[in-house]
Amino acid sequence: MNKIIVYEHQNFQGMSREFTKTVPSLIDENFNDCISSLMIIGAPWVAYEHPNFKGRQFAYEEGQYANAEWNDAYSSLQIITDNLDDPLITLYEHANYGGRKKDVTLETNLLFSDFNDTASSHIVHRGVWVLYEHGDRGGRQIIARAGEKVANYGDLSFNDQLTSLRPLKYGSPTVKAKIQWEKMVKESEKNVKIDELVGVNRSDTDQSFSSTATKEYETYVSQSISFSNSTTITVGSKFSLDIVPGVGMETSISASNTFTVEKGKTESSTSREKTEINLPVKIPPHTELTVSVMRKEMSVRVPVEFTVTRGSNTKKEYGEYRCSSGSSVNAEYSSKHAVMK
């Protein structure tokens, strides 16, 4: 969800309002000229000095701003829904795209170049850019969008004043993940003997098999998620996988219903539990009774479809879910005649 939360006072105090859509006039929202701190979730926003996106502009990317750049002075808010991928702006030395030119693709301080206080026009090819009067994002700001051509900075009272600029970036993407169980590949399935208990009764009467009626064993489920090399899902992105296996798979895999992932931090998990096996009460006369404790272990891999949304842009990506489960434990019994010694 893309939204902005604005507060009456600094440090997120006082009255607040939450918006998910562009606000042409904060007067209509009864919150005009009173924003002193704000929080941005998702896409960037631009705050304007006057209604209908007029006057001075201030761009905010995802984050928390305990002190607004311009206190008690915003009258309209605009969410940035443009495509922010692969940004490119061309700066020109003279008006009408004349003289020397300079292509810029990332945040740049022109103090460290031969183009400081030189630009007089620009063309934005891709992305949304913030142009600054001073270095380190200081001074007056101008927002420049893809497809925009400004032939004369003089019209903006900005001629030969550009010192730094940066492209706006997406906030954390919204990620939805769907496991494609119909494409599951079963890598292994086997029964593993994890214990063996033997009782021998050479007498003519029943004897107890064990001093306890049950014995405890460990079960486990390991899960992991992997992404393609070209993924656009950034570190820190969070999402949940609903683990709903295909018909007949739920009891075999026995994964929890939800696997919560934070990229770069929790891309795998292992859970362990204890289960009890009932042991035989008696051993018949002249019998050797063997209890084999078996754990069913299975490993599967399944494609995952990710729907990644940034601003108004949505794309599909693919990864892989893996699950190794040893959560089914049972006892198998066998007996034979006990040889007299």
Protein backbone atom coordinates (compact mmCIF):
# COMPACT_ATOMS: atom_id res chain seq x y z
CA MET A 1 0.00 0.00 0.00
CA ASN A 2 1.31 3.43 -0.99
CA LYS A 3 0.41 6.16 1.46
CA ILE A 4 1.47 9.32 3.26
CA ILE A 5 0.70 10.07 6.91
CA VAL A 6 0.97 13.74 7.86
CA TYR A 7 1.12 15.18 11.37
CA GLU A 8 0.28 18.54 12.86
CA HIS A 9 3.44 18.77 14.96
CA GLN A 10 7.05 17.66 14.71
CA ASN A 11 8.06 14.15 15.79
CA PHE A 12 4.72 12.72 14.60
CA GLN A 13 2.66 14.45 17.27
CA GLY A 14 -0.74 16.14 17.23
CA MET A 15 -3.56 15.53 14.76
CA SER A 16 -2.81 13.35 11.74
CA ARG A 17 -4.28 12.46 8.38
CA GLU A 18 -3.58 9.48 6.10
CA PHE A 19 -3.83 9.68 2.31
CA THR A 20 -3.46 7.03 -0.37
CA LYS A 21 -4.37 9.24 -3.34
CA THR A 22 -3.24 12.62 -4.64
CA VAL A 23 -4.71 15.56 -2.71
CA PRO A 24 -5.21 18.67 -4.90
CA SER A 25 -6.15 20.82 -1.92
CA LEU A 26 -5.49 20.24 1.77
CA ILE A 27 -7.97 23.02 2.46
CA ASP A 28 -10.72 20.60 1.50
CA GLU A 29 -9.22 18.08 3.97
CA ASN A 30 -9.11 20.66 6.79
CA PHE A 31 -5.36 20.20 7.05
CA ASN A 32 -3.92 23.16 5.17
CA ASP A 33 -0.60 24.76 6.20
CA CYS A 34 -0.25 22.63 9.30
CA ILE A 35 2.05 19.71 8.37
CA SER A 36 5.18 19.55 10.50
CA SER A 37 6.20 15.88 10.18
CA LEU A 38 5.27 13.00 7.92
CA MET A 39 5.78 9.34 7.03
CA ILE A 40 5.94 7.89 3.52
CA ILE A 41 5.16 4.23 2.82
CA GLY A 42 5.81 2.92 -0.68
CA ALA A 43 5.87 5.33 -3.61
CA PRO A 44 7.40 8.85 -3.35
CA TRP A 45 5.23 11.94 -2.81
CA VAL A 46 5.64 15.62 -3.64
CA ALA A 47 4.32 18.32 -1.30
CA TYR A 48 3.42 21.73 -2.81
CA GLU A 49 3.25 25.18 -1.29
CA HIS A 50 -0.14 26.00 -2.85
CA PRO A 51 -3.28 24.07 -3.87
CA ASN A 52 -3.41 22.35 -7.27
CA PHE A 53 0.32 21.60 -7.20
CA LYS A 54 1.54 25.19 -7.44
CA GLY A 55 4.40 27.01 -5.78
CA ARG A 56 7.47 25.50 -4.20
CA GLN A 57 7.91 21.72 -4.33
CA PHE A 58 9.36 19.24 -1.87
CA ALA A 59 9.94 15.57 -2.78
CA TYR A 60 9.82 12.78 -0.19
CA GLU A 61 10.79 9.14 -0.67
CA GLU A 62 9.81 6.26 1.61
CA GLY A 63 10.82 6.96 5.20
CA GLN A 64 10.01 8.91 8.35
CA TYR A 65 10.52 12.67 8.48
CA ALA A 66 10.29 14.01 12.04
CA ASN A 67 10.73 17.56 10.74
CA ALA A 68 9.17 18.57 7.42
CA GLU A 69 11.49 20.49 5.12
CA TRP A 70 9.12 23.45 5.18
CA ASN A 71 7.05 23.66 8.34
CA ASP A 72 3.28 24.45 8.21
CA ALA A 73 3.40 25.35 4.53
CA TYR A 74 1.95 22.51 2.40
CA SER A 75 -1.35 22.91 0.59
CA SER A 76 -1.42 19.96 -1.85
CA LEU A 77 0.13 16.48 -2.08
CA GLN A 78 0.85 14.36 -5.14
CA ILE A 79 1.78 10.67 -5.23
CA ILE A 80 4.40 9.69 -7.83
CA THR A 81 3.06 6.80 -9.92
CA ASP A 82 5.51 7.22 -12.84
CA ASN A 83 7.86 4.48 -13.98
CA LEU A 84 11.10 5.10 -12.09
CA ASP A 85 13.19 2.37 -13.74
CA ASP A 86 16.46 3.17 -15.53
CA PRO A 87 16.35 6.99 -15.06
CA LEU A 88 18.00 9.32 -17.59
CA ILE A 89 18.02 13.11 -17.95
CA THR A 90 20.00 15.22 -20.42
CA LEU A 91 21.14 18.67 -19.28
CA TYR A 92 22.02 21.39 -21.81
CA GLU A 93 24.33 24.34 -21.39
CA HIS A 94 22.08 26.80 -23.20
CA ALA A 95 18.36 27.38 -23.66
CA ASN A 96 16.56 25.43 -26.39
CA TYR A 97 18.86 22.44 -25.87
CA GLY A 98 21.95 24.18 -27.19
CA GLY A 99 25.62 24.08 -26.29
CA ARG A 100 27.29 21.33 -24.35
CA LYS A 101 25.13 18.53 -22.96
CA LYS A 102 25.43 16.11 -20.07
CA ASP A 103 23.58 12.80 -19.56
CA VAL A 104 22.88 11.89 -15.94
CA THR A 105 21.61 8.49 -14.73
CA LEU A 106 22.10 8.69 -10.95
CA GLU A 107 22.34 11.15 -8.08
CA THR A 108 25.00 13.71 -8.98
CA ASN A 109 26.59 16.72 -7.33
CA LEU A 110 27.59 19.02 -10.17
CA LEU A 111 30.04 20.83 -7.90
CA PHE A 112 32.38 17.99 -8.74
CA SER A 113 32.00 18.46 -12.50
CA ASP A 114 32.33 21.16 -15.13
CA PHE A 115 28.55 21.62 -15.29
CA ASN A 116 27.80 23.38 -11.98
CA ASP A 117 25.49 26.42 -12.32
CA THR A 118 25.62 25.88 -16.09
CA ALA A 119 22.42 24.13 -17.22
CA SER A 120 19.76 26.19 -18.98
CA SER A 121 17.45 23.48 -20.36
CA HIS A 122 16.79 19.74 -20.05
CA ILE A 123 15.01 16.71 -21.49
CA VAL A 124 13.87 13.89 -19.18
CA HIS A 125 14.00 10.56 -21.00
CA ARG A 126 13.10 8.25 -18.11
CA GLY A 127 12.19 8.54 -14.45
CA VAL A 128 11.31 11.46 -12.19
CA TRP A 129 14.10 13.80 -11.14
CA VAL A 130 14.57 16.36 -8.40
CA LEU A 131 16.75 19.32 -9.41
CA TYR A 132 18.39 21.30 -6.59
CA GLU A 133 19.73 24.80 -6.39
CA HIS A 134 22.58 23.79 -4.07
CA GLY A 135 24.73 20.73 -3.43
CA ASP A 136 23.67 17.88 -1.14
CA ARG A 137 19.96 18.32 -1.96
CA GLY A 138 19.86 21.89 -0.69
CA GLY A 139 17.99 25.01 -1.73
CA ARG A 140 15.10 25.28 -4.13
CA GLN A 141 13.71 22.09 -5.72
CA ILE A 142 12.19 21.47 -9.14
CA ILE A 143 10.47 18.20 -10.10
CA ALA A 144 11.15 16.95 -13.66
CA ARG A 145 9.22 14.04 -15.18
CA ALA A 146 9.78 11.61 -18.06
CA GLY A 147 8.77 13.05 -21.43
CA GLU A 148 9.19 16.57 -20.12
CA LYS A 149 11.18 19.11 -22.07
CA VAL A 150 12.09 22.42 -20.44
CA ALA A 151 13.57 24.64 -23.11
CA ASN A 152 14.47 27.61 -20.93
CA TYR A 153 15.27 27.56 -17.22
CA GLY A 154 14.76 31.30 -17.29
CA ASP A 155 11.01 30.64 -17.36
CA LEU A 156 11.45 28.94 -13.98
CA SER A 157 13.84 31.56 -12.61
CA PHE A 158 16.38 28.74 -12.45
CA ASN A 159 18.88 29.57 -15.20
CA ASP A 160 22.48 28.63 -14.37
CA GLN A 161 21.43 27.61 -10.84
CA LEU A 162 21.39 23.79 -10.98
CA THR A 163 23.99 22.28 -8.65
CA SER A 164 22.74 18.78 -7.77
CA LEU A 165 20.08 16.36 -8.92
CA ARG A 166 18.78 12.88 -8.19
CA PRO A 167 16.22 10.43 -9.56
CA LEU A 168 13.37 9.48 -7.24
CA LYS A 169 13.36 5.82 -6.22
CA TYR A 170 10.59 3.39 -5.53
CA GLY A 171 9.77 2.53 -1.95
CA SER A 172 9.68 -1.07 -0.81
CA PRO A 173 7.71 -3.11 -3.35
CA THR A 174 4.50 -4.91 -2.55
CA VAL A 175 5.17 -8.59 -3.17
CA LYS A 176 2.57 -11.32 -3.52
CA ALA A 177 3.79 -14.89 -3.87
CA LYS A 178 1.91 -17.92 -5.17
CA ILE A 179 3.28 -21.47 -5.06
CA GLN A 180 2.52 -23.37 -8.27
CA TRP A 181 1.85 -26.78 -6.74
CA GLU A 182 0.75 -28.24 -10.06
CA LYS A 183 4.40 -27.96 -11.18
CA MET A 184 5.88 -29.59 -8.07
CA VAL A 185 8.88 -31.87 -8.46
CA LYS A 186 9.34 -34.56 -5.82
CA GLU A 187 13.10 -34.91 -5.36
CA SER A 188 13.08 -37.71 -2.81
CA GLU A 189 10.73 -39.75 -0.66
CA LYS A 190 11.93 -42.46 1.68
CA ASN A 191 11.34 -44.17 5.00
CA VAL A 192 14.33 -43.85 7.32
CA LYS A 193 14.83 -46.04 10.37
CA ILE A 194 15.69 -43.71 13.25
CA ASP A 195 15.54 -46.25 16.09
CA GLU A 196 15.15 -49.93 16.79
CA LEU A 197 13.92 -51.46 20.05
CA VAL A 198 14.17 -55.20 20.70
CA GLY A 199 12.53 -57.18 23.51
CA VAL A 200 13.04 -60.90 24.11
CA ASN A 201 10.78 -63.15 26.21
CA ARG A 202 12.05 -66.71 26.63
CA SER A 203 9.64 -67.50 29.44
CA ASP A 204 6.31 -69.28 29.34
CA THR A 205 4.34 -66.14 30.35
CA ASP A 206 3.80 -62.62 29.00
CA GLN A 207 6.43 -60.08 29.96
CA SER A 208 6.50 -56.28 29.81
CA PHE A 209 8.20 -54.85 26.73
CA SER A 210 9.36 -51.59 28.35
CA SER A 211 9.14 -49.69 31.60
CA THR A 212 7.47 -46.81 29.71
CA ALA A 213 4.40 -46.83 27.47
CA THR A 214 5.75 -44.27 24.99
CA LYS A 215 9.01 -42.90 23.60
CA GLU A 216 9.65 -39.42 22.20
CA TYR A 217 11.19 -38.59 18.79
CA GLU A 218 11.96 -35.41 16.87
CA THR A 219 10.24 -34.30 13.67
CA TYR A 220 11.29 -31.43 11.41
CA VAL A 221 10.20 -29.24 8.49
CA SER A 222 12.74 -27.10 6.58
CA GLN A 223 11.58 -24.45 4.10
CA SER A 224 13.46 -22.04 1.86
CA ILE A 225 12.78 -19.58 -0.95
CA SER A 226 15.14 -18.52 -3.74
CA PHE A 227 14.91 -15.72 -6.29
CA SER A 228 16.06 -15.38 -9.89
CA ASN A 229 19.36 -13.63 -10.58
CA SER A 230 17.47 -10.79 -12.24
CA THR A 231 14.98 -10.23 -9.42
CA THR A 232 13.85 -6.70 -8.66
CA ILE A 233 12.73 -7.68 -5.15
CA THR A 234 14.98 -5.69 -2.86
CA VAL A 235 16.63 -6.67 0.42
CA GLY A 236 14.23 -6.02 3.29
CA SER A 237 11.09 -6.73 1.25
CA LYS A 238 8.61 -8.80 3.25
CA PHE A 239 5.87 -11.15 2.10
CA SER A 240 4.11 -14.34 3.12
CA LEU A 241 3.73 -17.63 1.29
CA ASP A 242 0.47 -19.47 1.86
CA ILE A 243 1.49 -23.11 2.08
CA VAL A 244 -1.52 -24.92 0.65
CA PRO A 245 -0.16 -28.08 -1.01
CA GLY A 246 -1.95 -29.91 -3.77
CA VAL A 247 -4.33 -32.76 -3.16
CA GLY A 248 -2.67 -35.48 -1.09
CA MET A 249 0.40 -33.39 -0.32
CA GLU A 250 -0.56 -31.61 2.88
CA THR A 251 -0.04 -34.55 5.23
CA SER A 252 3.14 -35.57 3.43
CA ILE A 253 4.82 -32.18 3.59
CA SER A 254 3.29 -31.01 6.86
CA ALA A 255 4.61 -27.47 6.50
CA SER A 256 3.03 -24.69 8.51
CA ASN A 257 0.20 -22.80 6.82
CA THR A 258 2.27 -19.64 6.29
CA PHE A 259 5.94 -19.05 5.57
CA THR A 260 6.91 -15.42 6.24
CA VAL A 261 9.91 -14.17 4.25
CA GLU A 262 12.10 -11.08 4.58
CA LYS A 263 14.55 -10.97 1.69
CA GLY A 264 18.14 -10.98 2.88
CA LYS A 265 17.19 -12.03 6.41
CA THR A 266 14.65 -14.85 6.67
CA GLU A 267 14.72 -16.73 3.39
CA SER A 268 14.77 -20.13 5.12
CA SER A 269 13.44 -21.67 8.31
CA THR A 270 13.48 -24.98 10.15
CA SER A 271 10.96 -26.00 12.76
CA ARG A 272 11.39 -28.97 15.08
CA GLU A 273 8.80 -30.68 17.23
CA LYS A 274 8.48 -33.74 19.41
CA THR A 275 6.14 -36.65 18.83
CA GLU A 276 5.48 -39.77 20.90
CA ILE A 277 5.30 -43.37 19.71
CA ASN A 278 3.27 -45.92 21.65
CA LEU A 279 5.30 -48.98 22.62
CA PRO A 280 3.95 -52.53 22.99
CA VAL A 281 2.73 -53.38 26.46
CA LYS A 282 3.56 -57.09 26.50
CA ILE A 283 5.85 -59.58 24.77
CA PRO A 284 4.21 -62.98 24.22
CA PRO A 285 5.99 -66.10 25.54
CA HIS A 286 8.99 -67.38 23.58
CA THR A 287 9.00 -64.28 21.34
CA GLU A 288 11.61 -61.80 20.17
CA LEU A 289 9.70 -58.56 19.38
CA THR A 290 11.35 -55.81 17.33
CA VAL A 291 9.98 -52.27 17.07
CA SER A 292 11.43 -50.29 14.14
CA VAL A 293 10.80 -46.56 14.43
CA MET A 294 10.47 -45.11 10.93
CA ARG A 295 10.40 -41.48 9.82
CA LYS A 296 9.00 -40.60 6.42
CA GLU A 297 11.23 -37.99 4.78
CA MET A 298 10.31 -36.06 1.66
CA SER A 299 11.94 -33.26 -0.34
CA VAL A 300 10.12 -31.21 -2.98
CA ARG A 301 10.77 -28.11 -5.03
CA VAL A 302 8.04 -25.96 -6.53
CA PRO A 303 8.07 -22.86 -8.77
CA VAL A 304 6.83 -19.64 -7.16
CA GLU A 305 5.20 -16.78 -9.06
CA PHE A 306 5.90 -13.34 -7.58
CA THR A 307 3.71 -10.34 -8.40
CA VAL A 308 5.86 -7.27 -7.67
CA THR A 309 4.13 -3.87 -7.51
CA ARG A 310 5.95 -0.53 -7.32
CA GLY A 311 3.74 2.49 -7.58
CA SER A 312 1.41 1.82 -10.51
CA ASN A 313 3.80 -0.68 -12.14
CA THR A 314 3.34 -4.42 -11.74
CA LYS A 315 5.51 -7.23 -13.08
CA LYS A 316 5.79 -11.00 -12.74
CA GLU A 317 8.90 -12.79 -11.51
CA TYR A 318 9.65 -16.40 -10.68
CA GLY A 319 11.57 -18.16 -7.96
CA GLU A 320 11.56 -21.51 -6.21
CA TYR A 321 10.19 -22.91 -2.96
CA ARG A 322 11.86 -25.93 -1.36
CA CYS A 323 10.58 -28.03 1.50
CA SER A 324 12.20 -30.98 3.27
CA SER A 325 9.96 -32.70 5.75
CA GLY A 326 10.47 -35.46 8.27
CA SER A 327 7.29 -34.99 10.23
CA SER A 328 5.65 -38.40 10.00
CA VAL A 329 6.95 -40.98 12.53
CA ASN A 330 5.46 -44.42 13.04
CA ALA A 331 6.36 -47.80 14.51
CA GLU A 332 6.62 -51.08 12.60
CA TYR A 333 6.53 -54.39 14.47
CA SER A 334 8.10 -57.73 13.67
CA SER A 335 8.48 -60.87 15.78
CA LYS A 336 10.15 -64.23 15.67
CA HIS A 337 10.55 -67.23 17.90
CA ALA A 338 12.94 -66.59 20.75
CA VAL A 339 15.67 -69.21 20.80
CA MET A 340 16.15 -70.81 24.21
CA LYS A 341 19.62 -70.47 25.67
